[in-house]
Amino acid sequence: MKEGTGEERAKLYAICIYYLINDKLQNTGKLIVCNDENFYFVRKYLIRLIGKCPFPIISIIQYRKELGRCIKSPADNFAAHYAKRGLSETKQGIGVKLSLVKITFRKVSEKWNEIKM
């Protein structure tokens, strides 16, 4: 069965999240996933990548319901702040250094094929 582009984007999103948290799996209490892509597919692929998941994976909508208030994703705030200030030529080299995770095409391709149905 051919996947739709929405499902393919969710798969890529899940692979990126996996590489971001892979070395922190044992220290993760709860993974809250933003609504950038379809949560159902992102969660499905994360579970395939992680295997027996030692923590719950919930959407930010579910997290908002648990808290009983509307919150924004910390990533939204950070991205907006970075885009506004960090990309300015006068600000480059000043501020918090980002921890980058090097994700190559080969790494993505390996995980893509690993979770292929």
PDB file of N, CA and C in Angstrom:
ATOM      1  N   MET A   1       0.839  -1.186   0.000  1.00  0.00           N
ATOM      2  CA  MET A   1       0.000   0.000   0.000  1.00  0.00           C
ATOM      3  C   MET A   1       0.884   1.248   0.000  1.00  0.00           C
ATOM      4  N   LYS A   2       0.610   2.162  -0.887  1.00  0.00           N
ATOM      5  CA  LYS A   2       1.402   3.386  -0.985  1.00  0.00           C
ATOM      6  C   LYS A   2       1.007   4.362   0.117  1.00  0.00           C
ATOM      7  N   GLU A   3       2.021   4.924   0.720  1.00  0.00           N
ATOM      8  CA  GLU A   3       1.785   5.890   1.796  1.00  0.00           C
ATOM      9  C   GLU A   3       1.470   7.254   1.202  1.00  0.00           C
ATOM     10  N   GLY A   4       0.651   8.018   1.909  1.00  0.00           N
ATOM     11  CA  GLY A   4       0.372   9.381   1.497  1.00  0.00           C
ATOM     12  C   GLY A   4       1.503  10.291   1.943  1.00  0.00           C
ATOM     13  N   THR A   5       1.577  11.481   1.378  1.00  0.00           N
ATOM     14  CA  THR A   5       2.669  12.386   1.739  1.00  0.00           C
ATOM     15  C   THR A   5       2.587  12.804   3.198  1.00  0.00           C
ATOM     16  N   GLY A   6       1.371  12.888   3.748  1.00  0.00           N
ATOM     17  CA  GLY A   6       1.240  13.233   5.166  1.00  0.00           C
ATOM     18  C   GLY A   6       1.855  12.168   6.054  1.00  0.00           C
ATOM     19  N   GLU A   7       1.645  10.918   5.692  1.00  0.00           N
ATOM     20  CA  GLU A   7       2.224   9.824   6.465  1.00  0.00           C
ATOM     21  C   GLU A   7       3.743   9.784   6.294  1.00  0.00           C
ATOM     22  N   GLU A   8       4.217  10.092   5.103  1.00  0.00           N
ATOM     23  CA  GLU A   8       5.654  10.114   4.860  1.00  0.00           C
ATOM     24  C   GLU A   8       6.330  11.231   5.655  1.00  0.00           C
ATOM     25  N   ARG A   9       5.680  12.396   5.718  1.00  0.00           N
ATOM     26  CA  ARG A   9       6.229  13.499   6.526  1.00  0.00           C
ATOM     27  C   ARG A   9       6.258  13.119   7.993  1.00  0.00           C
ATOM     28  N   ALA A  10       5.203  12.441   8.454  1.00  0.00           N
ATOM     29  CA  ALA A  10       5.148  12.002   9.848  1.00  0.00           C
ATOM     30  C   ALA A  10       6.253  10.994  10.136  1.00  0.00           C
ATOM     31  N   LYS A  11       6.542  10.135   9.177  1.00  0.00           N
ATOM     32  CA  LYS A  11       7.611   9.151   9.344  1.00  0.00           C
ATOM     33  C   LYS A  11       8.964   9.861   9.480  1.00  0.00           C
ATOM     34  N   LEU A  12       9.205  10.833   8.613  1.00  0.00           N
ATOM     35  CA  LEU A  12      10.461  11.592   8.687  1.00  0.00           C
ATOM     36  C   LEU A  12      10.548  12.357  10.012  1.00  0.00           C
ATOM     37  N   TYR A  13       9.451  12.925  10.437  1.00  0.00           N
ATOM     38  CA  TYR A  13       9.384  13.651  11.711  1.00  0.00           C
ATOM     39  C   TYR A  13       9.712  12.712  12.878  1.00  0.00           C
ATOM     40  N   ALA A  14       9.151  11.504  12.840  1.00  0.00           N
ATOM     41  CA  ALA A  14       9.411  10.506  13.891  1.00  0.00           C
ATOM     42  C   ALA A  14      10.879  10.094  13.894  1.00  0.00           C
ATOM     43  N   ILE A  15      11.462   9.936  12.729  1.00  0.00           N
ATOM     44  CA  ILE A  15      12.881   9.567  12.641  1.00  0.00           C
ATOM     45  C   ILE A  15      13.745  10.666  13.249  1.00  0.00           C
ATOM     46  N   CYS A  16      13.433  11.914  12.948  1.00  0.00           N
ATOM     47  CA  CYS A  16      14.196  13.037  13.519  1.00  0.00           C
ATOM     48  C   CYS A  16      14.048  13.076  15.038  1.00  0.00           C
ATOM     49  N   ILE A  17      12.834  12.889  15.542  1.00  0.00           N
ATOM     50  CA  ILE A  17      12.617  12.859  16.994  1.00  0.00           C
ATOM     51  C   ILE A  17      13.411  11.712  17.605  1.00  0.00           C
ATOM     52  N   TYR A  18      13.381  10.559  16.958  1.00  0.00           N
ATOM     53  CA  TYR A  18      14.124   9.398  17.456  1.00  0.00           C
ATOM     54  C   TYR A  18      15.602   9.732  17.632  1.00  0.00           C
ATOM     55  N   TYR A  19      16.207  10.341  16.627  1.00  0.00           N
ATOM     56  CA  TYR A  19      17.630  10.685  16.736  1.00  0.00           C
ATOM     57  C   TYR A  19      17.889  11.741  17.809  1.00  0.00           C
ATOM     58  N   LEU A  20      16.922  12.604  18.059  1.00  0.00           N
ATOM     59  CA  LEU A  20      17.087  13.604  19.114  1.00  0.00           C
ATOM     60  C   LEU A  20      17.039  12.988  20.515  1.00  0.00           C
ATOM     61  N   ILE A  21      16.222  11.951  20.699  1.00  0.00           N
ATOM     62  CA  ILE A  21      16.033  11.398  22.050  1.00  0.00           C
ATOM     63  C   ILE A  21      16.691  10.040  22.263  1.00  0.00           C
ATOM     64  N   ASN A  22      17.253   9.457  21.221  1.00  0.00           N
ATOM     65  CA  ASN A  22      17.774   8.098  21.288  1.00  0.00           C
ATOM     66  C   ASN A  22      18.708   7.847  22.475  1.00  0.00           C
ATOM     67  N   ASP A  23      19.609   8.760  22.746  1.00  0.00           N
ATOM     68  CA  ASP A  23      20.555   8.560  23.847  1.00  0.00           C
ATOM     69  C   ASP A  23      19.994   8.992  25.206  1.00  0.00           C
ATOM     70  N   LYS A  24      18.743   9.434  25.225  1.00  0.00           N
ATOM     71  CA  LYS A  24      18.117   9.886  26.480  1.00  0.00           C
ATOM     72  C   LYS A  24      16.878   9.060  26.832  1.00  0.00           C
ATOM     73  N   LEU A  25      16.719   7.909  26.207  1.00  0.00           N
ATOM     74  CA  LEU A  25      15.500   7.111  26.386  1.00  0.00           C
ATOM     75  C   LEU A  25      15.258   6.722  27.841  1.00  0.00           C
ATOM     76  N   GLN A  26      16.302   6.355  28.566  1.00  0.00           N
ATOM     77  CA  GLN A  26      16.136   5.896  29.951  1.00  0.00           C
ATOM     78  C   GLN A  26      15.798   7.054  30.900  1.00  0.00           C
ATOM     79  N   ASN A  27      16.122   8.270  30.509  1.00  0.00           N
ATOM     80  CA  ASN A  27      15.874   9.437  31.367  1.00  0.00           C
ATOM     81  C   ASN A  27      14.623  10.213  30.970  1.00  0.00           C
ATOM     82  N   THR A  28      13.837   9.650  30.071  1.00  0.00           N
ATOM     83  CA  THR A  28      12.642  10.332  29.597  1.00  0.00           C
ATOM     84  C   THR A  28      11.428   9.846  30.372  1.00  0.00           C
ATOM     85  N   GLY A  29      10.678  10.779  30.949  1.00  0.00           N
ATOM     86  CA  GLY A  29       9.481  10.422  31.706  1.00  0.00           C
ATOM     87  C   GLY A  29       8.234  10.419  30.840  1.00  0.00           C
ATOM     88  N   LYS A  30       8.188  11.344  29.902  1.00  0.00           N
ATOM     89  CA  LYS A  30       7.028  11.484  29.018  1.00  0.00           C
ATOM     90  C   LYS A  30       7.503  12.244  27.788  1.00  0.00           C
ATOM     91  N   LEU A  31       7.096  11.787  26.628  1.00  0.00           N
ATOM     92  CA  LEU A  31       7.448  12.469  25.391  1.00  0.00           C
ATOM     93  C   LEU A  31       6.208  13.178  24.873  1.00  0.00           C
ATOM     94  N   ILE A  32       6.304  14.497  24.771  1.00  0.00           N
ATOM     95  CA  ILE A  32       5.185  15.307  24.294  1.00  0.00           C
ATOM     96  C   ILE A  32       5.509  15.743  22.869  1.00  0.00           C
ATOM     97  N   VAL A  33       4.678  15.325  21.931  1.00  0.00           N
ATOM     98  CA  VAL A  33       4.913  15.583  20.515  1.00  0.00           C
ATOM     99  C   VAL A  33       4.002  16.704  20.041  1.00  0.00           C
ATOM    100  N   CYS A  34       4.588  17.690  19.379  1.00  0.00           N
ATOM    101  CA  CYS A  34       3.809  18.805  18.823  1.00  0.00           C
ATOM    102  C   CYS A  34       2.973  18.334  17.641  1.00  0.00           C
ATOM    103  N   ASN A  35       2.089  19.184  17.216  1.00  0.00           N
ATOM    104  CA  ASN A  35       1.172  18.844  16.132  1.00  0.00           C
ATOM    105  C   ASN A  35       1.692  19.267  14.764  1.00  0.00           C
ATOM    106  N   ASP A  36       3.008  19.271  14.592  1.00  0.00           N
ATOM    107  CA  ASP A  36       3.553  19.643  13.289  1.00  0.00           C
ATOM    108  C   ASP A  36       3.146  18.639  12.218  1.00  0.00           C
ATOM    109  N   GLU A  37       3.031  17.381  12.604  1.00  0.00           N
ATOM    110  CA  GLU A  37       2.607  16.323  11.695  1.00  0.00           C
ATOM    111  C   GLU A  37       1.532  15.495  12.389  1.00  0.00           C
ATOM    112  N   ASN A  38       0.918  14.576  11.655  1.00  0.00           N
ATOM    113  CA  ASN A  38      -0.158  13.745  12.170  1.00  0.00           C
ATOM    114  C   ASN A  38       0.341  12.917  13.362  1.00  0.00           C
ATOM    115  N   PHE A  39      -0.204  13.194  14.543  1.00  0.00           N
ATOM    116  CA  PHE A  39       0.270  12.543  15.770  1.00  0.00           C
ATOM    117  C   PHE A  39       0.117  11.034  15.727  1.00  0.00           C
ATOM    118  N   TYR A  40      -0.986  10.549  15.166  1.00  0.00           N
ATOM    119  CA  TYR A  40      -1.220   9.108  15.098  1.00  0.00           C
ATOM    120  C   TYR A  40      -0.056   8.398  14.406  1.00  0.00           C
ATOM    121  N   PHE A  41       0.365   8.913  13.258  1.00  0.00           N
ATOM    122  CA  PHE A  41       1.458   8.294  12.513  1.00  0.00           C
ATOM    123  C   PHE A  41       2.803   8.507  13.201  1.00  0.00           C
ATOM    124  N   VAL A  42       3.038   9.709  13.725  1.00  0.00           N
ATOM    125  CA  VAL A  42       4.302   9.983  14.417  1.00  0.00           C
ATOM    126  C   VAL A  42       4.475   9.014  15.578  1.00  0.00           C
ATOM    127  N   ARG A  43       3.438   8.849  16.368  1.00  0.00           N
ATOM    128  CA  ARG A  43       3.491   7.938  17.520  1.00  0.00           C
ATOM    129  C   ARG A  43       3.720   6.502  17.061  1.00  0.00           C
ATOM    130  N   LYS A  44       3.009   6.083  16.036  1.00  0.00           N
ATOM    131  CA  LYS A  44       3.143   4.723  15.504  1.00  0.00           C
ATOM    132  C   LYS A  44       4.589   4.445  15.093  1.00  0.00           C
ATOM    133  N   TYR A  45       5.199   5.372  14.388  1.00  0.00           N
ATOM    134  CA  TYR A  45       6.574   5.174  13.913  1.00  0.00           C
ATOM    135  C   TYR A  45       7.598   5.305  15.045  1.00  0.00           C
ATOM    136  N   LEU A  46       7.340   6.181  15.997  1.00  0.00           N
ATOM    137  CA  LEU A  46       8.248   6.276  17.145  1.00  0.00           C
ATOM    138  C   LEU A  46       8.273   4.964  17.931  1.00  0.00           C
ATOM    139  N   ILE A  47       7.116   4.366  18.120  1.00  0.00           N
ATOM    140  CA  ILE A  47       7.046   3.095  18.841  1.00  0.00           C
ATOM    141  C   ILE A  47       7.802   2.012  18.077  1.00  0.00           C
ATOM    142  N   ARG A  48       7.691   2.010  16.769  1.00  0.00           N
ATOM    143  CA  ARG A  48       8.453   1.036  15.969  1.00  0.00           C
ATOM    144  C   ARG A  48       9.948   1.263  16.098  1.00  0.00           C
ATOM    145  N   LEU A  49      10.372   2.517  16.120  1.00  0.00           N
ATOM    146  CA  LEU A  49      11.795   2.833  16.214  1.00  0.00           C
ATOM    147  C   LEU A  49      12.363   2.532  17.601  1.00  0.00           C
ATOM    148  N   ILE A  50      11.616   2.871  18.624  1.00  0.00           N
ATOM    149  CA  ILE A  50      12.095   2.720  19.995  1.00  0.00           C
ATOM    150  C   ILE A  50      11.963   1.280  20.472  1.00  0.00           C
ATOM    151  N   GLY A  51      10.954   0.594  19.997  1.00  0.00           N
ATOM    152  CA  GLY A  51      10.684  -0.758  20.480  1.00  0.00           C
ATOM    153  C   GLY A  51       9.779  -0.661  21.694  1.00  0.00           C
ATOM    154  N   LYS A  52      10.087  -1.408  22.731  1.00  0.00           N
ATOM    155  CA  LYS A  52       9.290  -1.345  23.964  1.00  0.00           C
ATOM    156  C   LYS A  52       9.527   0.026  24.590  1.00  0.00           C
ATOM    157  N   CYS A  53       8.558   0.871  24.458  1.00  0.00           N
ATOM    158  CA  CYS A  53       8.688   2.265  24.890  1.00  0.00           C
ATOM    159  C   CYS A  53       8.547   2.376  26.404  1.00  0.00           C
ATOM    160  N   PRO A  54       9.595   2.840  27.110  1.00  0.00           N
ATOM    161  CA  PRO A  54       9.551   2.929  28.575  1.00  0.00           C
ATOM    162  C   PRO A  54       8.804   4.153  29.116  1.00  0.00           C
ATOM    163  N   PHE A  55       8.187   4.933  28.233  1.00  0.00           N
ATOM    164  CA  PHE A  55       7.494   6.151  28.656  1.00  0.00           C
ATOM    165  C   PHE A  55       6.311   6.392  27.728  1.00  0.00           C
ATOM    166  N   PRO A  56       5.316   7.157  28.195  1.00  0.00           N
ATOM    167  CA  PRO A  56       4.178   7.467  27.324  1.00  0.00           C
ATOM    168  C   PRO A  56       4.547   8.514  26.264  1.00  0.00           C
ATOM    169  N   ILE A  57       3.959   8.375  25.108  1.00  0.00           N
ATOM    170  CA  ILE A  57       4.111   9.361  24.035  1.00  0.00           C
ATOM    171  C   ILE A  57       2.737   9.990  23.855  1.00  0.00           C
ATOM    172  N   ILE A  58       2.649  11.281  24.150  1.00  0.00           N
ATOM    173  CA  ILE A  58       1.364  11.967  24.066  1.00  0.00           C
ATOM    174  C   ILE A  58       1.475  13.195  23.161  1.00  0.00           C
ATOM    175  N   SER A  59       0.337  13.661  22.689  1.00  0.00           N
ATOM    176  CA  SER A  59       0.320  14.873  21.866  1.00  0.00           C
ATOM    177  C   SER A  59       0.274  16.092  22.781  1.00  0.00           C
ATOM    178  N   ILE A  60       0.647  17.210  22.230  1.00  0.00           N
ATOM    179  CA  ILE A  60       0.604  18.448  23.023  1.00  0.00           C
ATOM    180  C   ILE A  60      -0.842  18.798  23.374  1.00  0.00           C
ATOM    181  N   ILE A  61      -1.795  18.382  22.541  1.00  0.00           N
ATOM    182  CA  ILE A  61      -3.216  18.620  22.843  1.00  0.00           C
ATOM    183  C   ILE A  61      -3.612  17.854  24.103  1.00  0.00           C
ATOM    184  N   GLN A  62      -3.200  16.585  24.176  1.00  0.00           N
ATOM    185  CA  GLN A  62      -3.488  15.778  25.364  1.00  0.00           C
ATOM    186  C   GLN A  62      -2.802  16.369  26.594  1.00  0.00           C
ATOM    187  N   TYR A  63      -1.587  16.856  26.414  1.00  0.00           N
ATOM    188  CA  TYR A  63      -0.853  17.463  27.524  1.00  0.00           C
ATOM    189  C   TYR A  63      -1.564  18.722  28.017  1.00  0.00           C
ATOM    190  N   ARG A  64      -2.087  19.514  27.102  1.00  0.00           N
ATOM    191  CA  ARG A  64      -2.849  20.714  27.487  1.00  0.00           C
ATOM    192  C   ARG A  64      -4.078  20.334  28.299  1.00  0.00           C
ATOM    193  N   LYS A  65      -4.748  19.247  27.892  1.00  0.00           N
ATOM    194  CA  LYS A  65      -5.923  18.779  28.635  1.00  0.00           C
ATOM    195  C   LYS A  65      -5.527  18.330  30.031  1.00  0.00           C
ATOM    196  N   GLU A  66      -4.396  17.635  30.150  1.00  0.00           N
ATOM    197  CA  GLU A  66      -3.918  17.191  31.458  1.00  0.00           C
ATOM    198  C   GLU A  66      -3.632  18.389  32.372  1.00  0.00           C
ATOM    199  N   LEU A  67      -3.035  19.430  31.800  1.00  0.00           N
ATOM    200  CA  LEU A  67      -2.696  20.618  32.591  1.00  0.00           C
ATOM    201  C   LEU A  67      -3.913  21.497  32.871  1.00  0.00           C
ATOM    202  N   GLY A  68      -4.905  21.403  32.002  1.00  0.00           N
ATOM    203  CA  GLY A  68      -6.092  22.227  32.154  1.00  0.00           C
ATOM    204  C   GLY A  68      -5.898  23.659  31.706  1.00  0.00           C
ATOM    205  N   ARG A  69      -4.900  23.881  30.885  1.00  0.00           N
ATOM    206  CA  ARG A  69      -4.669  25.231  30.356  1.00  0.00           C
ATOM    207  C   ARG A  69      -3.967  25.139  29.015  1.00  0.00           C
ATOM    208  N   CYS A  70      -4.040  26.208  28.279  1.00  0.00           N
ATOM    209  CA  CYS A  70      -3.430  26.257  26.955  1.00  0.00           C
ATOM    210  C   CYS A  70      -1.965  26.660  27.085  1.00  0.00           C
ATOM    211  N   ILE A  71      -1.109  25.815  26.588  1.00  0.00           N
ATOM    212  CA  ILE A  71       0.318  26.119  26.596  1.00  0.00           C
ATOM    213  C   ILE A  71       0.841  26.037  25.178  1.00  0.00           C
ATOM    214  N   LYS A  72       1.922  26.751  24.932  1.00  0.00           N
ATOM    215  CA  LYS A  72       2.596  26.662  23.644  1.00  0.00           C
ATOM    216  C   LYS A  72       3.757  25.692  23.795  1.00  0.00           C
ATOM    217  N   SER A  73       4.150  25.140  22.689  1.00  0.00           N
ATOM    218  CA  SER A  73       5.312  24.268  22.682  1.00  0.00           C
ATOM    219  C   SER A  73       6.545  25.106  22.984  1.00  0.00           C
ATOM    220  N   PRO A  74       7.438  24.625  23.856  1.00  0.00           N
ATOM    221  CA  PRO A  74       8.694  25.352  24.090  1.00  0.00           C
ATOM    222  C   PRO A  74       9.493  25.495  22.794  1.00  0.00           C
ATOM    223  N   ALA A  75       9.348  24.543  21.874  1.00  0.00           N
ATOM    224  CA  ALA A  75      10.055  24.622  20.600  1.00  0.00           C
ATOM    225  C   ALA A  75       9.566  25.811  19.776  1.00  0.00           C
ATOM    226  N   ASP A  76       8.265  26.111  19.848  1.00  0.00           N
ATOM    227  CA  ASP A  76       7.729  27.266  19.120  1.00  0.00           C
ATOM    228  C   ASP A  76       8.389  28.547  19.607  1.00  0.00           C
ATOM    229  N   ASN A  77       8.463  28.709  20.913  1.00  0.00           N
ATOM    230  CA  ASN A  77       9.059  29.907  21.489  1.00  0.00           C
ATOM    231  C   ASN A  77      10.539  30.012  21.119  1.00  0.00           C
ATOM    232  N   PHE A  78      11.248  28.885  21.213  1.00  0.00           N
ATOM    233  CA  PHE A  78      12.672  28.893  20.926  1.00  0.00           C
ATOM    234  C   PHE A  78      12.924  29.198  19.451  1.00  0.00           C
ATOM    235  N   ALA A  79      12.149  28.568  18.574  1.00  0.00           N
ATOM    236  CA  ALA A  79      12.328  28.785  17.140  1.00  0.00           C
ATOM    237  C   ALA A  79      12.037  30.230  16.763  1.00  0.00           C
ATOM    238  N   ALA A  80      10.983  30.799  17.329  1.00  0.00           N
ATOM    239  CA  ALA A  80      10.642  32.192  17.029  1.00  0.00           C
ATOM    240  C   ALA A  80      11.737  33.133  17.526  1.00  0.00           C
ATOM    241  N   HIS A  81      12.229  32.883  18.736  1.00  0.00           N
ATOM    242  CA  HIS A  81      13.303  33.705  19.303  1.00  0.00           C
ATOM    243  C   HIS A  81      14.564  33.590  18.452  1.00  0.00           C
ATOM    244  N   TYR A  82      14.907  32.375  18.065  1.00  0.00           N
ATOM    245  CA  TYR A  82      16.110  32.149  17.260  1.00  0.00           C
ATOM    246  C   TYR A  82      15.989  32.825  15.900  1.00  0.00           C
ATOM    247  N   ALA A  83      14.829  32.677  15.259  1.00  0.00           N
ATOM    248  CA  ALA A  83      14.637  33.278  13.943  1.00  0.00           C
ATOM    249  C   ALA A  83      14.711  34.794  14.014  1.00  0.00           C
ATOM    250  N   LYS A  84      14.187  35.358  15.084  1.00  0.00           N
ATOM    251  CA  LYS A  84      14.150  36.817  15.226  1.00  0.00           C
ATOM    252  C   LYS A  84      15.532  37.387  15.549  1.00  0.00           C
ATOM    253  N   ARG A  85      16.255  36.726  16.447  1.00  0.00           N
ATOM    254  CA  ARG A  85      17.511  37.286  16.925  1.00  0.00           C
ATOM    255  C   ARG A  85      18.752  36.523  16.474  1.00  0.00           C
ATOM    256  N   GLY A  86      18.696  35.211  16.517  1.00  0.00           N
ATOM    257  CA  GLY A  86      19.877  34.396  16.272  1.00  0.00           C
ATOM    258  C   GLY A  86      20.370  34.399  14.834  1.00  0.00           C
ATOM    259  N   LEU A  87      19.485  34.677  13.903  1.00  0.00           N
ATOM    260  CA  LEU A  87      19.893  34.661  12.508  1.00  0.00           C
ATOM    261  C   LEU A  87      20.418  36.004  12.029  1.00  0.00           C
ATOM    262  N   SER A  88      20.318  37.008  12.868  1.00  0.00           N
ATOM    263  CA  SER A  88      20.828  38.327  12.522  1.00  0.00           C
ATOM    264  C   SER A  88      22.358  38.264  12.468  1.00  0.00           C
ATOM    265  N   GLU A  89      22.961  38.881  11.430  1.00  0.00           N
ATOM    266  CA  GLU A  89      24.422  38.851  11.283  1.00  0.00           C
ATOM    267  C   GLU A  89      25.123  39.479  12.475  1.00  0.00           C
ATOM    268  N   THR A  90      24.532  40.497  13.070  1.00  0.00           N
ATOM    269  CA  THR A  90      25.170  41.151  14.207  1.00  0.00           C
ATOM    270  C   THR A  90      25.127  40.291  15.468  1.00  0.00           C
ATOM    271  N   LYS A  91      24.207  39.307  15.510  1.00  0.00           N
ATOM    272  CA  LYS A  91      24.049  38.462  16.700  1.00  0.00           C
ATOM    273  C   LYS A  91      24.745  37.106  16.573  1.00  0.00           C
ATOM    274  N   GLN A  92      25.259  36.781  15.402  1.00  0.00           N
ATOM    275  CA  GLN A  92      25.871  35.472  15.219  1.00  0.00           C
ATOM    276  C   GLN A  92      27.087  35.328  16.122  1.00  0.00           C
ATOM    277  N   GLY A  93      27.215  34.187  16.737  1.00  0.00           N
ATOM    278  CA  GLY A  93      28.332  33.931  17.648  1.00  0.00           C
ATOM    279  C   GLY A  93      28.054  34.374  19.068  1.00  0.00           C
ATOM    280  N   ILE A  94      26.917  35.018  19.307  1.00  0.00           N
ATOM    281  CA  ILE A  94      26.546  35.470  20.646  1.00  0.00           C
ATOM    282  C   ILE A  94      25.363  34.631  21.104  1.00  0.00           C
ATOM    283  N   GLY A  95      25.350  34.282  22.361  1.00  0.00           N
ATOM    284  CA  GLY A  95      24.190  33.579  22.892  1.00  0.00           C
ATOM    285  C   GLY A  95      24.431  32.100  23.103  1.00  0.00           C
ATOM    286  N   VAL A  96      23.361  31.372  23.223  1.00  0.00           N
ATOM    287  CA  VAL A  96      23.413  29.950  23.518  1.00  0.00           C
ATOM    288  C   VAL A  96      23.748  29.172  22.247  1.00  0.00           C
ATOM    289  N   LYS A  97      24.741  28.320  22.353  1.00  0.00           N
ATOM    290  CA  LYS A  97      25.098  27.458  21.228  1.00  0.00           C
ATOM    291  C   LYS A  97      24.084  26.329  21.155  1.00  0.00           C
ATOM    292  N   LEU A  98      23.672  25.984  19.955  1.00  0.00           N
ATOM    293  CA  LEU A  98      22.715  24.917  19.761  1.00  0.00           C
ATOM    294  C   LEU A  98      23.422  23.572  19.778  1.00  0.00           C
ATOM    295  N   SER A  99      22.789  22.575  20.367  1.00  0.00           N
ATOM    296  CA  SER A  99      23.293  21.209  20.316  1.00  0.00           C
ATOM    297  C   SER A  99      22.716  20.574  19.070  1.00  0.00           C
ATOM    298  N   LEU A 100      23.551  20.385  18.099  1.00  0.00           N
ATOM    299  CA  LEU A 100      23.076  19.832  16.840  1.00  0.00           C
ATOM    300  C   LEU A 100      23.224  18.320  16.833  1.00  0.00           C
ATOM    301  N   VAL A 101      22.267  17.672  16.215  1.00  0.00           N
ATOM    302  CA  VAL A 101      22.316  16.232  16.013  1.00  0.00           C
ATOM    303  C   VAL A 101      22.520  16.038  14.528  1.00  0.00           C
ATOM    304  N   LYS A 102      23.636  15.415  14.179  1.00  0.00           N
ATOM    305  CA  LYS A 102      23.929  15.211  12.761  1.00  0.00           C
ATOM    306  C   LYS A 102      23.139  14.010  12.251  1.00  0.00           C
ATOM    307  N   ILE A 103      22.221  14.308  11.364  1.00  0.00           N
ATOM    308  CA  ILE A 103      21.387  13.269  10.764  1.00  0.00           C
ATOM    309  C   ILE A 103      21.680  13.271   9.272  1.00  0.00           C
ATOM    310  N   THR A 104      22.298  12.219   8.810  1.00  0.00           N
ATOM    311  CA  THR A 104      22.648  12.112   7.403  1.00  0.00           C
ATOM    312  C   THR A 104      21.539  11.405   6.631  1.00  0.00           C
ATOM    313  N   PHE A 105      21.622  11.505   5.324  1.00  0.00           N
ATOM    314  CA  PHE A 105      20.654  10.815   4.479  1.00  0.00           C
ATOM    315  C   PHE A 105      20.725   9.311   4.729  1.00  0.00           C
ATOM    316  N   ARG A 106      21.924   8.799   4.914  1.00  0.00           N
ATOM    317  CA  ARG A 106      22.100   7.363   5.149  1.00  0.00           C
ATOM    318  C   ARG A 106      21.398   6.930   6.441  1.00  0.00           C
ATOM    319  N   LYS A 107      21.537   7.730   7.498  1.00  0.00           N
ATOM    320  CA  LYS A 107      20.876   7.408   8.774  1.00  0.00           C
ATOM    321  C   LYS A 107      19.357   7.406   8.614  1.00  0.00           C
ATOM    322  N   VAL A 108      18.842   8.410   7.938  1.00  0.00           N
ATOM    323  CA  VAL A 108      17.394   8.494   7.720  1.00  0.00           C
ATOM    324  C   VAL A 108      16.937   7.314   6.881  1.00  0.00           C
ATOM    325  N   SER A 109      17.677   7.007   5.850  1.00  0.00           N
ATOM    326  CA  SER A 109      17.330   5.908   4.959  1.00  0.00           C
ATOM    327  C   SER A 109      17.297   4.569   5.698  1.00  0.00           C
ATOM    328  N   GLU A 110      18.264   4.338   6.569  1.00  0.00           N
ATOM    329  CA  GLU A 110      18.298   3.098   7.351  1.00  0.00           C
ATOM    330  C   GLU A 110      17.052   2.971   8.225  1.00  0.00           C
ATOM    331  N   LYS A 111      16.722   4.037   8.944  1.00  0.00           N
ATOM    332  CA  LYS A 111      15.546   4.005   9.818  1.00  0.00           C
ATOM    333  C   LYS A 111      14.260   3.932   9.012  1.00  0.00           C
ATOM    334  N   TRP A 112      14.225   4.615   7.866  1.00  0.00           N
ATOM    335  CA  TRP A 112      13.052   4.597   6.993  1.00  0.00           C
ATOM    336  C   TRP A 112      12.752   3.160   6.585  1.00  0.00           C
ATOM    337  N   ASN A 113      13.788   2.454   6.161  1.00  0.00           N
ATOM    338  CA  ASN A 113      13.607   1.063   5.732  1.00  0.00           C
ATOM    339  C   ASN A 113      13.302   0.142   6.909  1.00  0.00           C
ATOM    340  N   GLU A 114      13.822   0.466   8.066  1.00  0.00           N
ATOM    341  CA  GLU A 114      13.579  -0.334   9.269  1.00  0.00           C
ATOM    342  C   GLU A 114      12.097  -0.330   9.666  1.00  0.00           C
ATOM    343  N   ILE A 115      11.434   0.803   9.479  1.00  0.00           N
ATOM    344  CA  ILE A 115      10.033   0.904   9.897  1.00  0.00           C
ATOM    345  C   ILE A 115       9.065   0.765   8.735  1.00  0.00           C
ATOM    346  N   LYS A 116       9.591   0.431   7.580  1.00  0.00           N
ATOM    347  CA  LYS A 116       8.752   0.237   6.402  1.00  0.00           C
ATOM    348  C   LYS A 116       7.840  -0.966   6.609  1.00  0.00           C
ATOM    349  N   MET A 117       6.630  -0.860   6.143  1.00  0.00           N
ATOM    350  CA  MET A 117       5.687  -1.989   6.268  1.00  0.00           C
ATOM    351  C   MET A 117       5.755  -2.858   5.042  1.00  0.00           C
TER     352      MET A 117
END
